[in-house]
N, C-alpha and C. Protein backbone atom coordinates (compact mmCIF):
# COMPACT_ATOMS: atom_id res chain seq x y z
N MET A 1 0.81 -1.14 -0.08
CA MET A 1 0.27 0.13 0.56
C MET A 1 0.96 0.80 -0.09
N SER A 2 0.83 2.48 -0.46
CA SER A 2 1.23 3.67 -0.68
C SER A 2 0.42 4.37 -1.39
N ILE A 3 0.04 5.30 -0.73
CA ILE A 3 -0.01 6.57 -0.86
C ILE A 3 1.12 8.21 -0.61
N GLN A 4 0.07 8.70 -1.31
CA GLN A 4 1.28 9.96 -2.06
C GLN A 4 1.51 10.65 -0.68
N GLU A 5 0.33 11.34 -0.05
CA GLU A 5 0.01 12.63 1.14
C GLU A 5 -0.36 11.40 2.42
N LEU A 6 0.71 11.78 3.29
CA LEU A 6 -0.42 11.62 4.57
C LEU A 6 -1.25 13.10 5.44
N VAL A 7 -2.21 12.96 5.50
CA VAL A 7 -3.20 13.66 6.13
C VAL A 7 -2.80 13.92 7.57
N ILE A 8 -2.92 14.61 8.40
CA ILE A 8 -3.42 15.08 10.07
C ILE A 8 -4.34 16.29 10.49
N ASN A 9 -4.58 15.52 10.63
CA ASN A 9 -6.24 16.77 10.61
C ASN A 9 -5.62 17.09 12.74
N PHE A 10 -5.49 18.38 13.02
CA PHE A 10 -5.45 19.06 13.52
C PHE A 10 -6.51 20.23 14.66
N HIS A 11 -7.50 19.02 15.29
CA HIS A 11 -8.69 20.71 15.07
C HIS A 11 -8.51 21.25 16.84
N MET A 12 -8.05 22.66 16.80
CA MET A 12 -7.41 23.39 16.99
C MET A 12 -8.40 23.75 17.86
N THR A 13 -9.28 24.36 18.14
CA THR A 13 -10.37 24.64 18.67
C THR A 13 -12.26 23.49 18.43
N GLU A 14 -12.94 23.51 19.73
CA GLU A 14 -14.76 23.40 19.09
C GLU A 14 -15.05 24.74 18.97
N THR A 15 -14.80 25.62 19.40
CA THR A 15 -15.77 26.62 19.58
C THR A 15 -15.45 27.40 17.61
N CYS A 16 -16.86 27.71 17.43
CA CYS A 16 -17.02 28.25 16.42
C CYS A 16 -17.17 29.48 15.86
N ASN A 17 -17.65 30.06 15.23
CA ASN A 17 -18.76 31.36 15.26
C ASN A 17 -19.87 31.35 15.09
N PHE A 18 -20.35 29.57 13.94
CA PHE A 18 -22.25 29.16 14.21
C PHE A 18 -21.69 28.72 14.39
N ARG A 19 -23.70 27.68 14.53
CA ARG A 19 -24.10 26.81 15.63
C ARG A 19 -25.07 26.35 15.05
N CYS A 20 -24.17 25.07 14.11
CA CYS A 20 -24.39 24.69 12.59
C CYS A 20 -25.40 23.23 13.96
N GLU A 21 -26.65 22.75 13.67
CA GLU A 21 -27.42 22.20 14.69
C GLU A 21 -26.71 20.37 14.45
N TYR A 22 -26.22 19.71 13.12
CA TYR A 22 -25.53 18.79 12.34
C TYR A 22 -24.25 18.94 13.49
N CYS A 23 -23.20 19.47 14.18
CA CYS A 23 -22.19 19.86 14.17
C CYS A 23 -21.81 20.10 15.84
N TYR A 24 -20.93 19.32 16.16
CA TYR A 24 -20.03 19.06 17.61
C TYR A 24 -19.57 20.36 18.52
N ALA A 25 -19.45 21.22 17.51
CA ALA A 25 -18.92 23.22 17.97
C ALA A 25 -19.48 22.85 19.08
N THR A 26 -19.02 24.38 19.84
CA THR A 26 -19.79 24.75 20.15
C THR A 26 -19.77 26.21 19.72
N TRP A 27 -20.99 26.92 19.82
CA TRP A 27 -21.22 28.23 19.90
C TRP A 27 -20.10 29.31 20.62
N ASP A 28 -20.67 28.75 22.29
CA ASP A 28 -19.46 29.66 23.01
C ASP A 28 -18.13 29.47 22.90
N SER A 29 -17.03 30.70 23.44
CA SER A 29 -15.95 30.24 23.04
C SER A 29 -15.84 29.53 25.29
N ASN A 30 -14.69 28.55 24.11
CA ASN A 30 -14.63 27.94 25.60
C ASN A 30 -13.04 28.31 25.76
N ASN A 31 -13.37 28.45 26.86
CA ASN A 31 -12.20 28.80 28.05
C ASN A 31 -11.36 28.18 28.64
N SER A 32 -11.55 26.77 28.55
CA SER A 32 -11.47 25.48 28.86
C SER A 32 -9.76 25.21 28.52
N GLN A 33 -9.10 25.20 29.90
CA GLN A 33 -6.99 24.91 29.25
C GLN A 33 -7.11 23.35 28.86
N GLN A 34 -7.69 22.70 28.45
CA GLN A 34 -7.01 22.05 27.60
C GLN A 34 -7.41 22.00 26.49
N GLU A 35 -7.77 23.53 26.21
CA GLU A 35 -7.69 23.44 24.83
C GLU A 35 -6.32 23.78 24.46
N LEU A 36 -5.63 23.16 23.24
CA LEU A 36 -3.64 23.32 22.99
C LEU A 36 -3.76 25.23 23.16
N HIS A 37 -4.54 25.20 21.64
CA HIS A 37 -4.59 26.63 21.22
C HIS A 37 -4.37 28.32 21.99
N HIS A 38 -4.57 28.11 23.76
CA HIS A 38 -4.44 28.72 25.04
C HIS A 38 -2.33 28.75 25.05
N SER A 39 -2.69 27.50 25.07
CA SER A 39 -0.80 28.17 24.94
C SER A 39 0.39 27.35 23.85
N TYR A 40 0.62 28.52 23.38
CA TYR A 40 1.70 28.16 22.35
C TYR A 40 3.09 27.99 22.87
N SER A 41 3.27 27.27 23.63
CA SER A 41 3.78 26.60 23.83
C SER A 41 3.24 25.22 23.35
N ASN A 42 2.98 25.14 24.22
CA ASN A 42 2.06 23.83 23.63
C ASN A 42 2.14 23.75 22.07
N ILE A 43 1.61 24.07 21.27
CA ILE A 43 0.63 24.53 19.89
C ILE A 43 2.30 23.89 19.33
N LYS A 44 2.88 24.70 19.63
CA LYS A 44 4.75 24.35 18.78
C LYS A 44 5.17 23.05 19.76
N GLU A 45 5.26 22.24 20.26
CA GLU A 45 5.08 21.12 21.22
C GLU A 45 4.72 20.18 20.29
N LEU A 46 3.20 20.18 19.98
CA LEU A 46 2.39 19.40 19.08
C LEU A 46 2.66 19.58 17.79
N ILE A 47 2.98 20.39 17.16
CA ILE A 47 3.27 20.36 16.13
C ILE A 47 4.83 19.83 15.82
N THR A 48 5.59 20.34 16.62
CA THR A 48 7.09 19.45 16.54
C THR A 48 7.34 18.55 16.89
N LYS A 49 6.94 17.78 17.45
CA LYS A 49 6.40 16.61 17.60
C LYS A 49 5.74 15.98 16.43
N THR A 50 4.74 16.17 15.87
CA THR A 50 4.14 16.01 14.48
C THR A 50 5.18 15.45 13.49
N ALA A 51 6.05 16.83 12.53
CA ALA A 51 7.00 16.58 12.02
C ALA A 51 7.69 16.78 12.15
N ASN A 52 8.81 15.96 13.58
CA ASN A 52 9.97 15.29 13.84
C ASN A 52 9.37 13.59 13.44
N TYR A 53 8.01 13.04 14.01
CA TYR A 53 8.25 11.97 14.05
C TYR A 53 7.42 11.52 12.52
N PHE A 54 6.39 12.07 11.44
CA PHE A 54 5.62 11.68 11.02
C PHE A 54 6.42 12.09 8.99
N LEU A 55 7.88 13.21 9.31
CA LEU A 55 9.02 13.68 8.04
C LEU A 55 9.71 12.69 7.72
N ASN A 56 10.02 11.82 9.87
CA ASN A 56 11.41 11.01 9.64
C ASN A 56 10.58 10.22 9.07
N ASP A 57 11.59 8.55 8.62
CA ASP A 57 11.59 7.60 9.29
C ASP A 57 10.53 6.99 9.64
N ASN A 58 9.87 6.22 10.26
CA ASN A 58 8.72 5.38 11.43
C ASN A 58 8.12 4.36 10.95
N PRO A 59 7.53 3.40 10.87
CA PRO A 59 6.75 2.43 11.02
C PRO A 59 5.46 2.82 10.38
N ILE A 60 4.81 4.10 10.25
CA ILE A 60 3.95 4.43 9.41
C ILE A 60 4.46 4.50 8.35
N LYS A 61 5.71 4.89 8.16
CA LYS A 61 6.26 5.68 7.35
C LYS A 61 5.99 4.67 6.09
N GLN A 62 6.58 3.45 6.55
CA GLN A 62 7.17 2.02 5.91
C GLN A 62 6.42 1.07 5.48
N LYS A 63 4.69 1.27 6.23
CA LYS A 63 4.31 1.13 5.74
C LYS A 63 3.24 1.31 4.68
N LEU A 64 3.01 2.65 4.99
CA LEU A 64 1.49 3.66 3.61
C LEU A 64 2.64 4.01 3.17
N GLY A 65 4.12 4.22 3.04
CA GLY A 65 4.61 4.61 1.79
C GLY A 65 4.42 5.99 1.46
N TYR A 66 4.13 7.06 2.22
CA TYR A 66 3.63 8.37 1.78
C TYR A 66 5.04 9.11 1.37
N LYS A 67 4.78 9.56 1.07
CA LYS A 67 5.56 10.90 0.67
C LYS A 67 6.02 12.35 1.36
N THR A 68 4.13 12.94 1.76
CA THR A 68 4.52 14.26 2.13
C THR A 68 3.53 14.29 3.09
N VAL A 69 3.75 15.09 3.55
CA VAL A 69 3.10 14.77 5.44
C VAL A 69 1.69 16.20 5.26
N ARG A 70 0.69 16.43 5.70
CA ARG A 70 0.13 17.87 5.21
C ARG A 70 -0.47 18.08 6.93
N LEU A 71 -0.55 19.25 7.43
CA LEU A 71 -1.44 19.35 8.83
C LEU A 71 -2.76 19.97 8.71
N ASN A 72 -3.82 19.55 8.84
CA ASN A 72 -5.41 20.06 8.38
C ASN A 72 -5.63 20.76 9.15
N PHE A 73 -5.28 21.81 9.06
CA PHE A 73 -6.59 23.29 10.40
C PHE A 73 -7.60 22.67 9.96
N ALA A 74 -8.12 22.55 11.38
CA ALA A 74 -9.91 22.22 11.67
C ALA A 74 -10.28 22.49 12.85
N GLY A 75 -11.51 22.56 13.12
CA GLY A 75 -12.31 23.31 14.42
C GLY A 75 -13.32 22.25 14.59
N GLY A 76 -14.58 22.87 15.14
CA GLY A 76 -14.75 24.65 15.30
C GLY A 76 -14.70 25.62 14.25
N GLU A 77 -14.24 26.69 14.59
CA GLU A 77 -13.37 27.24 13.42
C GLU A 77 -11.97 27.69 14.45
N PRO A 78 -11.26 27.37 13.09
CA PRO A 78 -9.93 27.43 13.67
C PRO A 78 -9.23 29.17 13.78
N VAL A 79 -9.67 29.39 12.40
CA VAL A 79 -10.00 31.80 11.90
C VAL A 79 -10.01 32.06 12.69
N ARG A 80 -11.25 31.44 13.82
CA ARG A 80 -10.88 32.06 15.62
C ARG A 80 -10.40 32.48 16.28
N LEU A 81 -9.24 31.92 16.24
CA LEU A 81 -8.05 31.69 17.25
C LEU A 81 -6.91 33.06 16.86
N GLY A 82 -6.86 34.08 15.53
CA GLY A 82 -6.57 34.07 15.30
C GLY A 82 -4.66 34.22 14.85
N SER A 83 -4.29 34.74 15.46
CA SER A 83 -2.67 34.90 15.75
C SER A 83 -2.28 33.56 16.20
N GLN A 84 -2.52 33.14 17.78
CA GLN A 84 -2.35 31.59 17.30
C GLN A 84 -2.54 30.88 16.11
N PHE A 85 -3.36 30.29 15.41
CA PHE A 85 -3.28 30.12 14.23
C PHE A 85 -3.03 29.94 12.82
N ILE A 86 -2.26 31.51 13.11
CA ILE A 86 -0.85 32.45 12.02
C ILE A 86 0.31 31.45 12.62
N LYS A 87 0.04 32.17 13.32
CA LYS A 87 1.30 31.35 14.28
C LYS A 87 1.76 29.60 13.53
N ALA A 88 0.59 29.29 14.46
CA ALA A 88 1.32 27.56 13.96
C ALA A 88 0.85 27.35 12.30
N ILE A 89 0.03 28.41 12.05
CA ILE A 89 0.71 27.58 10.37
C ILE A 89 1.91 27.64 10.01
N LEU A 90 2.61 28.82 10.55
CA LEU A 90 3.53 28.93 10.41
C LEU A 90 4.84 28.48 10.55
N LEU A 91 4.29 27.74 11.35
CA LEU A 91 5.53 26.81 12.71
C LEU A 91 5.07 25.97 11.42
N ALA A 92 4.10 25.41 10.96
CA ALA A 92 3.83 24.08 10.31
C ALA A 92 4.82 23.43 8.50
N LYS A 93 4.65 25.16 8.21
CA LYS A 93 5.02 25.54 7.29
C LYS A 93 6.93 25.12 7.32
N SER A 94 7.87 26.15 8.84
CA SER A 94 8.79 25.54 8.47
C SER A 94 9.23 25.07 9.05
N PHE A 95 9.01 23.67 9.57
CA PHE A 95 8.85 22.45 9.31
C PHE A 95 8.85 21.33 8.34
N GLY A 96 8.44 22.07 7.00
CA GLY A 96 8.06 21.25 5.63
C GLY A 96 6.71 20.69 5.85
N LEU A 97 6.27 20.88 6.84
CA LEU A 97 5.27 20.01 5.97
C LEU A 97 3.48 20.77 5.09
N ASN A 98 3.32 20.37 4.61
CA ASN A 98 2.60 20.73 3.89
C ASN A 98 1.00 21.12 4.70
N THR A 99 0.50 22.14 4.53
CA THR A 99 -0.93 22.65 5.82
C THR A 99 -1.85 22.79 4.88
N SER A 100 -3.57 22.72 5.48
CA SER A 100 -4.46 22.98 5.06
C SER A 100 -5.13 23.55 6.26
N LEU A 101 -6.01 24.23 5.57
CA LEU A 101 -7.50 24.97 6.57
C LEU A 101 -8.64 24.73 5.84
N ILE A 102 -9.66 24.01 6.81
CA ILE A 102 -11.12 23.64 6.56
C ILE A 102 -11.85 24.99 7.66
N THR A 103 -12.26 25.99 7.17
CA THR A 103 -13.46 27.31 7.55
C THR A 103 -14.66 27.78 7.31
N ASN A 104 -15.21 28.01 8.08
CA ASN A 104 -16.50 27.60 6.75
C ASN A 104 -16.23 29.14 6.20
N GLY A 105 -15.81 30.02 5.59
CA GLY A 105 -15.04 31.34 5.62
C GLY A 105 -15.42 32.70 5.92
N HIS A 106 -16.07 32.76 6.55
CA HIS A 106 -16.64 33.77 7.54
C HIS A 106 -15.51 34.43 7.98
N LEU A 107 -14.97 34.45 8.72
CA LEU A 107 -13.80 35.09 8.97
C LEU A 107 -12.28 35.45 8.71
N LEU A 108 -12.89 35.00 7.47
CA LEU A 108 -11.57 35.70 6.35
C LEU A 108 -11.22 36.27 5.75
N THR A 109 -10.87 37.56 6.65
CA THR A 109 -10.64 38.86 6.50
C THR A 109 -9.28 38.80 5.47
N ASN A 110 -9.42 40.24 4.59
CA ASN A 110 -8.29 40.16 3.69
C ASN A 110 -7.01 40.13 4.30
N THR A 111 -6.59 40.66 5.40
CA THR A 111 -5.48 40.74 6.57
C THR A 111 -5.28 39.67 6.47
N ILE A 112 -6.72 38.30 6.45
CA ILE A 112 -6.05 37.17 6.92
C ILE A 112 -5.22 36.65 5.93
N VAL A 113 -7.14 36.23 5.14
CA VAL A 113 -6.01 36.22 3.02
C VAL A 113 -4.47 35.84 3.16
N SER A 114 -4.63 37.13 3.26
CA SER A 114 -3.02 37.27 2.81
C SER A 114 -1.96 37.17 4.01
N LYS A 115 -2.50 37.14 4.74
CA LYS A 115 -0.49 36.09 5.55
C LYS A 115 -1.07 34.82 5.64
N ILE A 116 -1.60 34.34 5.25
CA ILE A 116 -1.79 32.66 5.37
C ILE A 116 -1.73 32.16 4.33
N SER A 117 -2.02 32.68 3.27
CA SER A 117 -2.37 32.17 1.44
C SER A 117 -1.37 31.58 1.07
N PRO A 118 0.41 32.48 1.63
CA PRO A 118 1.09 31.97 1.10
C PRO A 118 2.08 30.62 1.49
N GLN A 119 1.34 30.68 2.60
CA GLN A 119 1.38 29.01 3.77
C GLN A 119 0.73 28.03 3.75
N LEU A 120 -0.09 28.47 2.82
CA LEU A 120 -1.55 27.36 3.22
C LEU A 120 -1.37 26.29 1.07
N ASP A 121 -1.36 25.37 1.65
CA ASP A 121 -1.12 24.74 0.25
C ASP A 121 -2.32 23.76 -0.15
N MET A 122 -3.97 24.16 0.64
CA MET A 122 -5.31 23.54 -0.31
C MET A 122 -6.26 24.38 1.07
N LEU A 123 -7.46 24.91 0.61
CA LEU A 123 -8.02 25.76 1.34
C LEU A 123 -9.16 25.16 1.33
N GLU A 124 -10.26 24.74 2.05
CA GLU A 124 -11.43 23.67 2.11
C GLU A 124 -12.49 24.62 2.60
N ILE A 125 -13.96 25.49 2.12
CA ILE A 125 -14.85 26.06 2.71
C ILE A 125 -15.40 24.91 2.46
N SER A 126 -16.40 25.04 4.11
CA SER A 126 -17.61 24.47 4.03
C SER A 126 -18.51 25.69 3.66
N PHE A 127 -19.33 24.55 2.85
CA PHE A 127 -20.25 25.36 2.71
C PHE A 127 -21.69 24.83 2.06
N ASP A 128 -22.87 24.82 3.05
CA ASP A 128 -24.54 24.40 2.89
C ASP A 128 -25.19 24.94 2.32
N THR A 129 -25.50 25.69 2.19
CA THR A 129 -26.57 26.36 1.08
C THR A 129 -26.50 28.28 1.03
N ALA A 130 -26.78 28.58 -0.13
CA ALA A 130 -27.32 29.82 0.08
C ALA A 130 -27.94 30.34 -0.06
N ASP A 131 -29.33 29.46 0.57
CA ASP A 131 -30.71 30.50 0.62
C ASP A 131 -30.49 30.44 2.46
N HIS A 132 -29.82 32.09 3.01
CA HIS A 132 -30.65 32.60 4.39
C HIS A 132 -31.15 32.27 5.10
N LEU A 133 -32.21 31.68 4.55
CA LEU A 133 -34.14 30.81 5.43
C LEU A 133 -32.75 29.95 6.09
N LEU A 134 -32.47 29.33 4.92
CA LEU A 134 -32.37 27.87 5.54
C LEU A 134 -31.04 27.81 5.82
N ALA A 135 -30.12 28.43 5.71
CA ALA A 135 -28.99 28.34 6.31
C ALA A 135 -29.31 28.96 8.39
N ASP A 136 -29.80 29.95 8.73
CA ASP A 136 -30.70 30.08 9.85
C ASP A 136 -31.72 29.30 10.15
N SER A 137 -31.93 28.42 10.00
CA SER A 137 -32.76 27.02 10.29
C SER A 137 -32.10 26.59 10.80
N ILE A 138 -30.50 25.72 10.12
CA ILE A 138 -29.27 25.28 10.17
C ILE A 138 -29.25 25.23 11.63
N GLY A 139 -28.76 27.00 11.69
CA GLY A 139 -27.77 27.64 13.06
C GLY A 139 -26.60 27.84 11.90
N ARG A 140 -26.56 28.05 10.35
CA ARG A 140 -25.21 28.27 9.64
C ARG A 140 -25.30 30.22 10.21
N VAL A 141 -26.07 31.31 11.33
CA VAL A 141 -25.88 31.94 10.73
C VAL A 141 -24.51 32.50 12.34
N ASP A 142 -24.13 33.51 11.94
CA ASP A 142 -23.80 33.87 13.34
C ASP A 142 -23.89 34.61 14.35
N ARG A 143 -23.85 35.30 15.26
CA ARG A 143 -24.67 36.36 17.10
C ARG A 143 -25.85 37.33 15.57
N LYS A 144 -24.96 38.06 14.51
CA LYS A 144 -25.80 38.85 13.38
C LYS A 144 -26.01 38.77 12.94
N LYS A 145 -26.88 36.76 13.10
CA LYS A 145 -27.88 36.28 11.81
C LYS A 145 -27.50 36.24 10.10
N ILE A 146 -25.51 36.85 10.05
CA ILE A 146 -24.43 36.65 9.16
C ILE A 146 -24.43 35.69 8.92
N ALA A 147 -25.08 35.00 6.98
CA ALA A 147 -24.09 33.51 7.09
C ALA A 147 -23.03 33.31 6.78
N TYR A 148 -23.21 34.66 5.09
CA TYR A 148 -22.18 34.60 4.51
C TYR A 148 -20.80 35.20 4.55
N PRO A 149 -19.79 34.90 4.46
CA PRO A 149 -18.78 35.06 4.71
C PRO A 149 -18.77 36.62 4.37
N LEU A 150 -18.61 38.25 4.95
CA LEU A 150 -18.01 39.67 4.96
C LEU A 150 -17.22 39.31 3.85
N ASN A 151 -16.63 39.16 3.04
CA ASN A 151 -16.27 40.03 1.77
C ASN A 151 -16.67 39.20 1.11
N ALA A 152 -17.16 38.56 0.47
CA ALA A 152 -18.94 37.80 -0.47
C ALA A 152 -19.23 38.88 -1.03
């Protein structure tokens, strides 16, 4: 068995700016110190260990034969974490990891996009509906009842 790329999902946070009824993510900010994003040193340790293990020879690499490793930033909504999220992507890239992001796109401002786009190998935007009433009915709106990215 051989795959080209090993993808590792890093769920940075459970918090989200939407409250989709079908999702596990939480609406309110999670103040739990158990989430890694509260400590950059914990984020750094996790990404460092991930890169050191998966980018070097290891039993998983021997078995799967992957060529590259991609760290996929997910959530909740990782963009909510602002500078902690941006620093994590920069760190992952500095180790030679490919990077990707799963986002609802709502918080992707021009400033954030300009900072992360050179570091991203893939961007995945979750999009359920263009119908505002349907989006509202399933909880895919923010606290101001805005369902779509502000820059759209």
